[in-house]
ModelCIF file with pLDDT and N, C-alpha, C, O atoms, coordinates in Angstrom:
data_MODEL
#
_entry.id   MODEL 
#
_entity.id                         1 
_entity.type                       polymer 
_entity.pdbx_number_of_molecules   1 
#
_entity_poly.entity_id                      1 
_entity_poly.type                           'polypeptide(L)' 
_entity_poly.nstd_linkage                   no 
_entity_poly.nstd_monomer                   no 
_entity_poly.pdbx_seq_one_letter_code       FGYSGVKFGGHAGYLTVTATGMVAEIPADVSYVEAS 
_entity_poly.pdbx_seq_one_letter_code_can   FGYSGVKFGGHAGYLTVTATGMVAEIPADVSYVEAS 
_entity_poly.pdbx_strand_id                 A 
#
loop_
_entity_poly_seq.entity_id 
_entity_poly_seq.num 
_entity_poly_seq.mon_id 
_entity_poly_seq.hetero 
1 1  PHE n 
1 2  GLY n 
1 3  TYR n 
1 4  SER n 
1 5  GLY n 
1 6  VAL n 
1 7  LYS n 
1 8  PHE n 
1 9  GLY n 
1 10 GLY n 
1 11 HIS n 
1 12 ALA n 
1 13 GLY n 
1 14 TYR n 
1 15 LEU n 
1 16 THR n 
1 17 VAL n 
1 18 THR n 
1 19 ALA n 
1 20 THR n 
1 21 GLY n 
1 22 MET n 
1 23 VAL n 
1 24 ALA n 
1 25 GLU n 
1 26 ILE n 
1 27 PRO n 
1 28 ALA n 
1 29 ASP n 
1 30 VAL n 
1 31 SER n 
1 32 TYR n 
1 33 VAL n 
1 34 GLU n 
1 35 ALA n 
1 36 SER n 
#
_struct_asym.id          A 
_struct_asym.entity_id   1 
#
loop_
_ma_qa_metric.id 
_ma_qa_metric.mode 
_ma_qa_metric.name 
_ma_qa_metric.software_group_id 
_ma_qa_metric.type 
1 global pLDDT . pLDDT 
2 local  pLDDT . pLDDT 
#
_ma_qa_metric_global.metric_id      1 
_ma_qa_metric_global.metric_value   96.61 
_ma_qa_metric_global.model_id       1 
_ma_qa_metric_global.ordinal_id     1 
#
loop_
_ma_qa_metric_local.label_asym_id 
_ma_qa_metric_local.label_comp_id 
_ma_qa_metric_local.label_seq_id 
_ma_qa_metric_local.metric_id 
_ma_qa_metric_local.metric_value 
_ma_qa_metric_local.model_id 
_ma_qa_metric_local.ordinal_id 
A PHE 1  2 98.00 1 1  
A GLY 2  2 98.00 1 2  
A TYR 3  2 97.00 1 3  
A SER 4  2 94.00 1 4  
A GLY 5  2 89.00 1 5  
A VAL 6  2 85.00 1 6  
A LYS 7  2 92.00 1 7  
A PHE 8  2 97.00 1 8  
A GLY 9  2 98.00 1 9  
A GLY 10 2 98.00 1 10 
A HIS 11 2 98.00 1 11 
A ALA 12 2 98.00 1 12 
A GLY 13 2 98.00 1 13 
A TYR 14 2 98.00 1 14 
A LEU 15 2 98.00 1 15 
A THR 16 2 98.00 1 16 
A VAL 17 2 97.00 1 17 
A THR 18 2 97.00 1 18 
A ALA 19 2 97.00 1 19 
A THR 20 2 96.00 1 20 
A GLY 21 2 95.00 1 21 
A MET 22 2 97.00 1 22 
A VAL 23 2 98.00 1 23 
A ALA 24 2 98.00 1 24 
A GLU 25 2 98.00 1 25 
A ILE 26 2 98.00 1 26 
A PRO 27 2 97.00 1 27 
A ALA 28 2 96.00 1 28 
A ASP 29 2 94.00 1 29 
A VAL 30 2 98.00 1 30 
A SER 31 2 98.00 1 31 
A TYR 32 2 98.00 1 32 
A VAL 33 2 98.00 1 33 
A GLU 34 2 98.00 1 34 
A ALA 35 2 98.00 1 35 
A SER 36 2 98.00 1 36 
#
loop_
_atom_site.group_PDB 
_atom_site.id 
_atom_site.type_symbol 
_atom_site.label_atom_id 
_atom_site.label_alt_id 
_atom_site.label_comp_id 
_atom_site.label_asym_id 
_atom_site.label_entity_id 
_atom_site.label_seq_id 
_atom_site.pdbx_PDB_ins_code 
_atom_site.Cartn_x 
_atom_site.Cartn_y 
_atom_site.Cartn_z 
_atom_site.occupancy 
_atom_site.B_iso_or_equiv 
_atom_site.pdbx_formal_charge 
_atom_site.auth_seq_id 
_atom_site.auth_comp_id 
_atom_site.auth_asym_id 
_atom_site.auth_atom_id 
_atom_site.pdbx_PDB_model_num 
ATOM 1   N N  . PHE A 1 1  ? -24.886 8.525  -27.314 1.00 98.00 ? 1  PHE A N  1 
ATOM 2   C CA . PHE A 1 1  ? -24.175 7.376  -27.054 1.00 98.00 ? 1  PHE A CA 1 
ATOM 3   C C  . PHE A 1 1  ? -24.786 6.186  -27.448 1.00 98.00 ? 1  PHE A C  1 
ATOM 4   O O  . PHE A 1 1  ? -26.001 6.078  -27.280 1.00 98.00 ? 1  PHE A O  1 
ATOM 5   N N  . GLY A 1 2  ? -24.045 5.131  -28.024 1.00 98.00 ? 2  GLY A N  1 
ATOM 6   C CA . GLY A 1 2  ? -24.805 3.935  -28.374 1.00 98.00 ? 2  GLY A CA 1 
ATOM 7   C C  . GLY A 1 2  ? -23.943 2.505  -28.400 1.00 98.00 ? 2  GLY A C  1 
ATOM 8   O O  . GLY A 1 2  ? -22.782 2.358  -28.019 1.00 98.00 ? 2  GLY A O  1 
ATOM 9   N N  . TYR A 1 3  ? -24.673 1.676  -28.854 1.00 97.00 ? 3  TYR A N  1 
ATOM 10  C CA . TYR A 1 3  ? -24.198 0.287  -29.024 1.00 97.00 ? 3  TYR A CA 1 
ATOM 11  C C  . TYR A 1 3  ? -24.663 -0.384 -30.343 1.00 97.00 ? 3  TYR A C  1 
ATOM 12  O O  . TYR A 1 3  ? -25.852 -0.532 -30.627 1.00 97.00 ? 3  TYR A O  1 
ATOM 13  N N  . SER A 1 4  ? -23.578 -0.798 -31.164 1.00 94.00 ? 4  SER A N  1 
ATOM 14  C CA . SER A 1 4  ? -23.801 -1.202 -32.273 1.00 94.00 ? 4  SER A CA 1 
ATOM 15  C C  . SER A 1 4  ? -23.120 -2.567 -32.380 1.00 94.00 ? 4  SER A C  1 
ATOM 16  O O  . SER A 1 4  ? -21.986 -2.646 -32.853 1.00 94.00 ? 4  SER A O  1 
ATOM 17  N N  . GLY A 1 5  ? -23.733 -3.555 -31.986 1.00 89.00 ? 5  GLY A N  1 
ATOM 18  C CA . GLY A 1 5  ? -23.006 -4.780 -32.007 1.00 89.00 ? 5  GLY A CA 1 
ATOM 19  C C  . GLY A 1 5  ? -23.159 -5.661 -33.510 1.00 89.00 ? 5  GLY A C  1 
ATOM 20  O O  . GLY A 1 5  ? -22.536 -6.700 -33.732 1.00 89.00 ? 5  GLY A O  1 
ATOM 21  N N  . VAL A 1 6  ? -23.825 -5.214 -34.179 1.00 85.00 ? 6  VAL A N  1 
ATOM 22  C CA . VAL A 1 6  ? -23.749 -5.816 -35.767 1.00 85.00 ? 6  VAL A CA 1 
ATOM 23  C C  . VAL A 1 6  ? -23.000 -5.294 -36.680 1.00 85.00 ? 6  VAL A C  1 
ATOM 24  O O  . VAL A 1 6  ? -22.273 -6.026 -37.353 1.00 85.00 ? 6  VAL A O  1 
ATOM 25  N N  . LYS A 1 7  ? -23.037 -3.866 -36.885 1.00 92.00 ? 7  LYS A N  1 
ATOM 26  C CA . LYS A 1 7  ? -22.377 -3.052 -37.763 1.00 92.00 ? 7  LYS A CA 1 
ATOM 27  C C  . LYS A 1 7  ? -21.065 -2.615 -37.214 1.00 92.00 ? 7  LYS A C  1 
ATOM 28  O O  . LYS A 1 7  ? -20.178 -2.285 -38.002 1.00 92.00 ? 7  LYS A O  1 
ATOM 29  N N  . PHE A 1 8  ? -20.874 -2.587 -35.981 1.00 97.00 ? 8  PHE A N  1 
ATOM 30  C CA . PHE A 1 8  ? -19.794 -2.157 -35.288 1.00 97.00 ? 8  PHE A CA 1 
ATOM 31  C C  . PHE A 1 8  ? -19.397 -0.622 -35.812 1.00 97.00 ? 8  PHE A C  1 
ATOM 32  O O  . PHE A 1 8  ? -20.314 0.162  -36.058 1.00 97.00 ? 8  PHE A O  1 
ATOM 33  N N  . GLY A 1 9  ? -18.140 -0.254 -35.961 1.00 98.00 ? 9  GLY A N  1 
ATOM 34  C CA . GLY A 1 9  ? -17.745 1.190  -36.688 1.00 98.00 ? 9  GLY A CA 1 
ATOM 35  C C  . GLY A 1 9  ? -17.274 2.218  -35.611 1.00 98.00 ? 9  GLY A C  1 
ATOM 36  O O  . GLY A 1 9  ? -16.961 3.331  -36.034 1.00 98.00 ? 9  GLY A O  1 
ATOM 37  N N  . GLY A 1 10 ? -17.179 1.957  -34.140 1.00 98.00 ? 10 GLY A N  1 
ATOM 38  C CA . GLY A 1 10 ? -16.796 2.883  -33.248 1.00 98.00 ? 10 GLY A CA 1 
ATOM 39  C C  . GLY A 1 10 ? -15.352 3.412  -33.306 1.00 98.00 ? 10 GLY A C  1 
ATOM 40  O O  . GLY A 1 10 ? -14.980 4.495  -32.853 1.00 98.00 ? 10 GLY A O  1 
ATOM 41  N N  . HIS A 1 11 ? -14.687 2.609  -33.850 1.00 98.00 ? 11 HIS A N  1 
ATOM 42  C CA . HIS A 1 11 ? -13.038 2.772  -33.963 1.00 98.00 ? 11 HIS A CA 1 
ATOM 43  C C  . HIS A 1 11 ? -12.869 3.777  -35.243 1.00 98.00 ? 11 HIS A C  1 
ATOM 44  O O  . HIS A 1 11 ? -12.028 3.489  -36.095 1.00 98.00 ? 11 HIS A O  1 
ATOM 45  N N  . ALA A 1 12 ? -13.501 4.708  -35.352 1.00 98.00 ? 12 ALA A N  1 
ATOM 46  C CA . ALA A 1 12 ? -13.473 5.510  -36.572 1.00 98.00 ? 12 ALA A CA 1 
ATOM 47  C C  . ALA A 1 12 ? -13.982 6.868  -36.286 1.00 98.00 ? 12 ALA A C  1 
ATOM 48  O O  . ALA A 1 12 ? -14.700 7.094  -35.312 1.00 98.00 ? 12 ALA A O  1 
ATOM 49  N N  . GLY A 1 13 ? -13.598 7.812  -37.169 1.00 98.00 ? 13 GLY A N  1 
ATOM 50  C CA . GLY A 1 13 ? -13.944 9.144  -37.132 1.00 98.00 ? 13 GLY A CA 1 
ATOM 51  C C  . GLY A 1 13 ? -15.660 9.236  -37.111 1.00 98.00 ? 13 GLY A C  1 
ATOM 52  O O  . GLY A 1 13 ? -16.250 9.904  -36.262 1.00 98.00 ? 13 GLY A O  1 
ATOM 53  N N  . TYR A 1 14 ? -16.216 8.619  -37.958 1.00 98.00 ? 14 TYR A N  1 
ATOM 54  C CA . TYR A 1 14 ? -17.723 8.582  -38.027 1.00 98.00 ? 14 TYR A CA 1 
ATOM 55  C C  . TYR A 1 14 ? -18.053 7.140  -38.197 1.00 98.00 ? 14 TYR A C  1 
ATOM 56  O O  . TYR A 1 14 ? -17.266 6.275  -38.581 1.00 98.00 ? 14 TYR A O  1 
ATOM 57  N N  . LEU A 1 15 ? -19.466 6.953  -37.827 1.00 98.00 ? 15 LEU A N  1 
ATOM 58  C CA . LEU A 1 15 ? -20.245 5.697  -38.101 1.00 98.00 ? 15 LEU A CA 1 
ATOM 59  C C  . LEU A 1 15 ? -21.783 6.087  -38.268 1.00 98.00 ? 15 LEU A C  1 
ATOM 60  O O  . LEU A 1 15 ? -22.235 7.190  -37.961 1.00 98.00 ? 15 LEU A O  1 
ATOM 61  N N  . THR A 1 16 ? -22.494 5.075  -38.773 1.00 98.00 ? 16 THR A N  1 
ATOM 62  C CA . THR A 1 16 ? -23.779 5.245  -38.940 1.00 98.00 ? 16 THR A CA 1 
ATOM 63  C C  . THR A 1 16 ? -24.638 4.196  -38.196 1.00 98.00 ? 16 THR A C  1 
ATOM 64  O O  . THR A 1 16 ? -24.374 3.002  -38.342 1.00 98.00 ? 16 THR A O  1 
ATOM 65  N N  . VAL A 1 17 ? -25.603 4.577  -37.445 1.00 97.00 ? 17 VAL A N  1 
ATOM 66  C CA . VAL A 1 17 ? -26.561 3.707  -36.840 1.00 97.00 ? 17 VAL A CA 1 
ATOM 67  C C  . VAL A 1 17 ? -27.869 4.049  -36.905 1.00 97.00 ? 17 VAL A C  1 
ATOM 68  O O  . VAL A 1 17 ? -28.244 5.219  -36.981 1.00 97.00 ? 17 VAL A O  1 
ATOM 69  N N  . THR A 1 18 ? -28.799 2.835  -36.873 1.00 97.00 ? 18 THR A N  1 
ATOM 70  C CA . THR A 1 18 ? -30.124 3.023  -37.046 1.00 97.00 ? 18 THR A CA 1 
ATOM 71  C C  . THR A 1 18 ? -30.625 3.831  -35.796 1.00 97.00 ? 18 THR A C  1 
ATOM 72  O O  . THR A 1 18 ? -30.266 3.604  -34.641 1.00 97.00 ? 18 THR A O  1 
ATOM 73  N N  . ALA A 1 19 ? -31.558 4.866  -36.215 1.00 97.00 ? 19 ALA A N  1 
ATOM 74  C CA . ALA A 1 19 ? -32.205 5.721  -35.081 1.00 97.00 ? 19 ALA A CA 1 
ATOM 75  C C  . ALA A 1 19 ? -32.963 4.868  -34.164 1.00 97.00 ? 19 ALA A C  1 
ATOM 76  O O  . ALA A 1 19 ? -33.012 5.171  -32.972 1.00 97.00 ? 19 ALA A O  1 
ATOM 77  N N  . THR A 1 20 ? -33.457 4.006  -34.535 1.00 96.00 ? 20 THR A N  1 
ATOM 78  C CA . THR A 1 20 ? -34.216 3.261  -33.528 1.00 96.00 ? 20 THR A CA 1 
ATOM 79  C C  . THR A 1 20 ? -33.683 2.228  -32.773 1.00 96.00 ? 20 THR A C  1 
ATOM 80  O O  . THR A 1 20 ? -34.347 1.529  -32.007 1.00 96.00 ? 20 THR A O  1 
ATOM 81  N N  . GLY A 1 21 ? -32.345 2.109  -33.003 1.00 95.00 ? 21 GLY A N  1 
ATOM 82  C CA . GLY A 1 21 ? -31.611 1.117  -32.327 1.00 95.00 ? 21 GLY A CA 1 
ATOM 83  C C  . GLY A 1 21 ? -31.063 1.638  -30.851 1.00 95.00 ? 21 GLY A C  1 
ATOM 84  O O  . GLY A 1 21 ? -31.689 2.447  -30.167 1.00 95.00 ? 21 GLY A O  1 
ATOM 85  N N  . MET A 1 22 ? -29.928 1.110  -30.505 1.00 97.00 ? 22 MET A N  1 
ATOM 86  C CA . MET A 1 22 ? -29.626 1.311  -29.151 1.00 97.00 ? 22 MET A CA 1 
ATOM 87  C C  . MET A 1 22 ? -28.755 2.536  -29.149 1.00 97.00 ? 22 MET A C  1 
ATOM 88  O O  . MET A 1 22 ? -27.531 2.408  -29.160 1.00 97.00 ? 22 MET A O  1 
ATOM 89  N N  . VAL A 1 23 ? -29.305 3.672  -29.136 1.00 98.00 ? 23 VAL A N  1 
ATOM 90  C CA . VAL A 1 23 ? -28.645 4.965  -28.931 1.00 98.00 ? 23 VAL A CA 1 
ATOM 91  C C  . VAL A 1 23 ? -29.573 5.939  -28.336 1.00 98.00 ? 23 VAL A C  1 
ATOM 92  O O  . VAL A 1 23 ? -30.767 5.997  -28.630 1.00 98.00 ? 23 VAL A O  1 
ATOM 93  N N  . ALA A 1 24 ? -28.952 6.740  -27.446 1.00 98.00 ? 24 ALA A N  1 
ATOM 94  C CA . ALA A 1 24 ? -29.700 7.639  -26.770 1.00 98.00 ? 24 ALA A CA 1 
ATOM 95  C C  . ALA A 1 24 ? -28.796 9.041  -26.479 1.00 98.00 ? 24 ALA A C  1 
ATOM 96  O O  . ALA A 1 24 ? -27.575 9.088  -26.629 1.00 98.00 ? 24 ALA A O  1 
ATOM 97  N N  . GLU A 1 25 ? -29.617 10.145 -26.044 1.00 98.00 ? 25 GLU A N  1 
ATOM 98  C CA . GLU A 1 25 ? -28.835 11.334 -25.749 1.00 98.00 ? 25 GLU A CA 1 
ATOM 99  C C  . GLU A 1 25 ? -27.802 11.094 -24.405 1.00 98.00 ? 25 GLU A C  1 
ATOM 100 O O  . GLU A 1 25 ? -28.009 10.417 -23.398 1.00 98.00 ? 25 GLU A O  1 
ATOM 101 N N  . ILE A 1 26 ? -26.868 11.734 -24.700 1.00 98.00 ? 26 ILE A N  1 
ATOM 102 C CA . ILE A 1 26 ? -25.876 11.792 -23.601 1.00 98.00 ? 26 ILE A CA 1 
ATOM 103 C C  . ILE A 1 26 ? -26.443 12.590 -22.347 1.00 98.00 ? 26 ILE A C  1 
ATOM 104 O O  . ILE A 1 26 ? -26.800 13.715 -22.697 1.00 98.00 ? 26 ILE A O  1 
ATOM 105 N N  . PRO A 1 27 ? -26.621 12.363 -21.083 1.00 97.00 ? 27 PRO A N  1 
ATOM 106 C CA . PRO A 1 27 ? -26.913 13.136 -20.098 1.00 97.00 ? 27 PRO A CA 1 
ATOM 107 C C  . PRO A 1 27 ? -26.049 14.097 -19.991 1.00 97.00 ? 27 PRO A C  1 
ATOM 108 O O  . PRO A 1 27 ? -24.868 14.011 -20.327 1.00 97.00 ? 27 PRO A O  1 
ATOM 109 N N  . ALA A 1 28 ? -26.771 15.383 -19.361 1.00 96.00 ? 28 ALA A N  1 
ATOM 110 C CA . ALA A 1 28 ? -25.761 16.571 -19.152 1.00 96.00 ? 28 ALA A CA 1 
ATOM 111 C C  . ALA A 1 28 ? -24.839 16.312 -18.082 1.00 96.00 ? 28 ALA A C  1 
ATOM 112 O O  . ALA A 1 28 ? -25.052 15.598 -17.102 1.00 96.00 ? 28 ALA A O  1 
ATOM 113 N N  . ASP A 1 29 ? -23.709 17.007 -18.379 1.00 94.00 ? 29 ASP A N  1 
ATOM 114 C CA . ASP A 1 29 ? -22.542 16.874 -17.461 1.00 94.00 ? 29 ASP A CA 1 
ATOM 115 C C  . ASP A 1 29 ? -21.838 15.683 -17.634 1.00 94.00 ? 29 ASP A C  1 
ATOM 116 O O  . ASP A 1 29 ? -20.964 15.492 -16.789 1.00 94.00 ? 29 ASP A O  1 
ATOM 117 N N  . VAL A 1 30 ? -21.991 14.724 -18.595 1.00 98.00 ? 30 VAL A N  1 
ATOM 118 C CA . VAL A 1 30 ? -21.485 13.506 -18.817 1.00 98.00 ? 30 VAL A CA 1 
ATOM 119 C C  . VAL A 1 30 ? -20.653 13.704 -20.051 1.00 98.00 ? 30 VAL A C  1 
ATOM 120 O O  . VAL A 1 30 ? -21.218 14.191 -21.030 1.00 98.00 ? 30 VAL A O  1 
ATOM 121 N N  . SER A 1 31 ? -19.390 13.388 -20.128 1.00 98.00 ? 31 SER A N  1 
ATOM 122 C CA . SER A 1 31 ? -18.346 13.792 -21.198 1.00 98.00 ? 31 SER A CA 1 
ATOM 123 C C  . SER A 1 31 ? -18.431 12.479 -22.054 1.00 98.00 ? 31 SER A C  1 
ATOM 124 O O  . SER A 1 31 ? -18.912 11.418 -21.656 1.00 98.00 ? 31 SER A O  1 
ATOM 125 N N  . TYR A 1 32 ? -17.869 12.721 -23.336 1.00 98.00 ? 32 TYR A N  1 
ATOM 126 C CA . TYR A 1 32 ? -18.074 11.552 -24.286 1.00 98.00 ? 32 TYR A CA 1 
ATOM 127 C C  . TYR A 1 32 ? -17.197 10.455 -23.790 1.00 98.00 ? 32 TYR A C  1 
ATOM 128 O O  . TYR A 1 32 ? -17.571 9.290  -23.923 1.00 98.00 ? 32 TYR A O  1 
ATOM 129 N N  . VAL A 1 33 ? -16.056 10.741 -23.225 1.00 98.00 ? 33 VAL A N  1 
ATOM 130 C CA . VAL A 1 33 ? -15.339 9.530  -22.656 1.00 98.00 ? 33 VAL A CA 1 
ATOM 131 C C  . VAL A 1 33 ? -16.089 8.713  -21.653 1.00 98.00 ? 33 VAL A C  1 
ATOM 132 O O  . VAL A 1 33 ? -16.137 7.486  -21.737 1.00 98.00 ? 33 VAL A O  1 
ATOM 133 N N  . GLU A 1 34 ? -16.648 9.364  -20.746 1.00 98.00 ? 34 GLU A N  1 
ATOM 134 C CA . GLU A 1 34 ? -17.655 8.966  -19.757 1.00 98.00 ? 34 GLU A CA 1 
ATOM 135 C C  . GLU A 1 34 ? -18.737 8.159  -20.172 1.00 98.00 ? 34 GLU A C  1 
ATOM 136 O O  . GLU A 1 34 ? -19.136 7.189  -19.527 1.00 98.00 ? 34 GLU A O  1 
ATOM 137 N N  . ALA A 1 35 ? -19.239 8.567  -21.296 1.00 98.00 ? 35 ALA A N  1 
ATOM 138 C CA . ALA A 1 35 ? -20.422 8.073  -22.136 1.00 98.00 ? 35 ALA A CA 1 
ATOM 139 C C  . ALA A 1 35 ? -20.352 6.860  -22.799 1.00 98.00 ? 35 ALA A C  1 
ATOM 140 O O  . ALA A 1 35 ? -21.318 6.098  -22.817 1.00 98.00 ? 35 ALA A O  1 
ATOM 141 N N  . SER A 1 36 ? -19.160 6.573  -23.420 1.00 98.00 ? 36 SER A N  1 
ATOM 142 C CA . SER A 1 36 ? -18.742 5.807  -24.367 1.00 98.00 ? 36 SER A CA 1 
ATOM 143 C C  . SER A 1 36 ? -18.908 4.273  -23.808 1.00 98.00 ? 36 SER A C  1 
ATOM 144 O O  . SER A 1 36 ? -18.581 3.319  -24.514 1.00 98.00 ? 36 SER A O  1 
#
């Protein structure tokens, strides 16, 4: 899950995000909808 307040792109099938940016692994038992 992540946040991209400069490039945006979440309203699409794919996006790119810097690996050192605001992105992390979704905790176990948390769905994509709950993580977004």
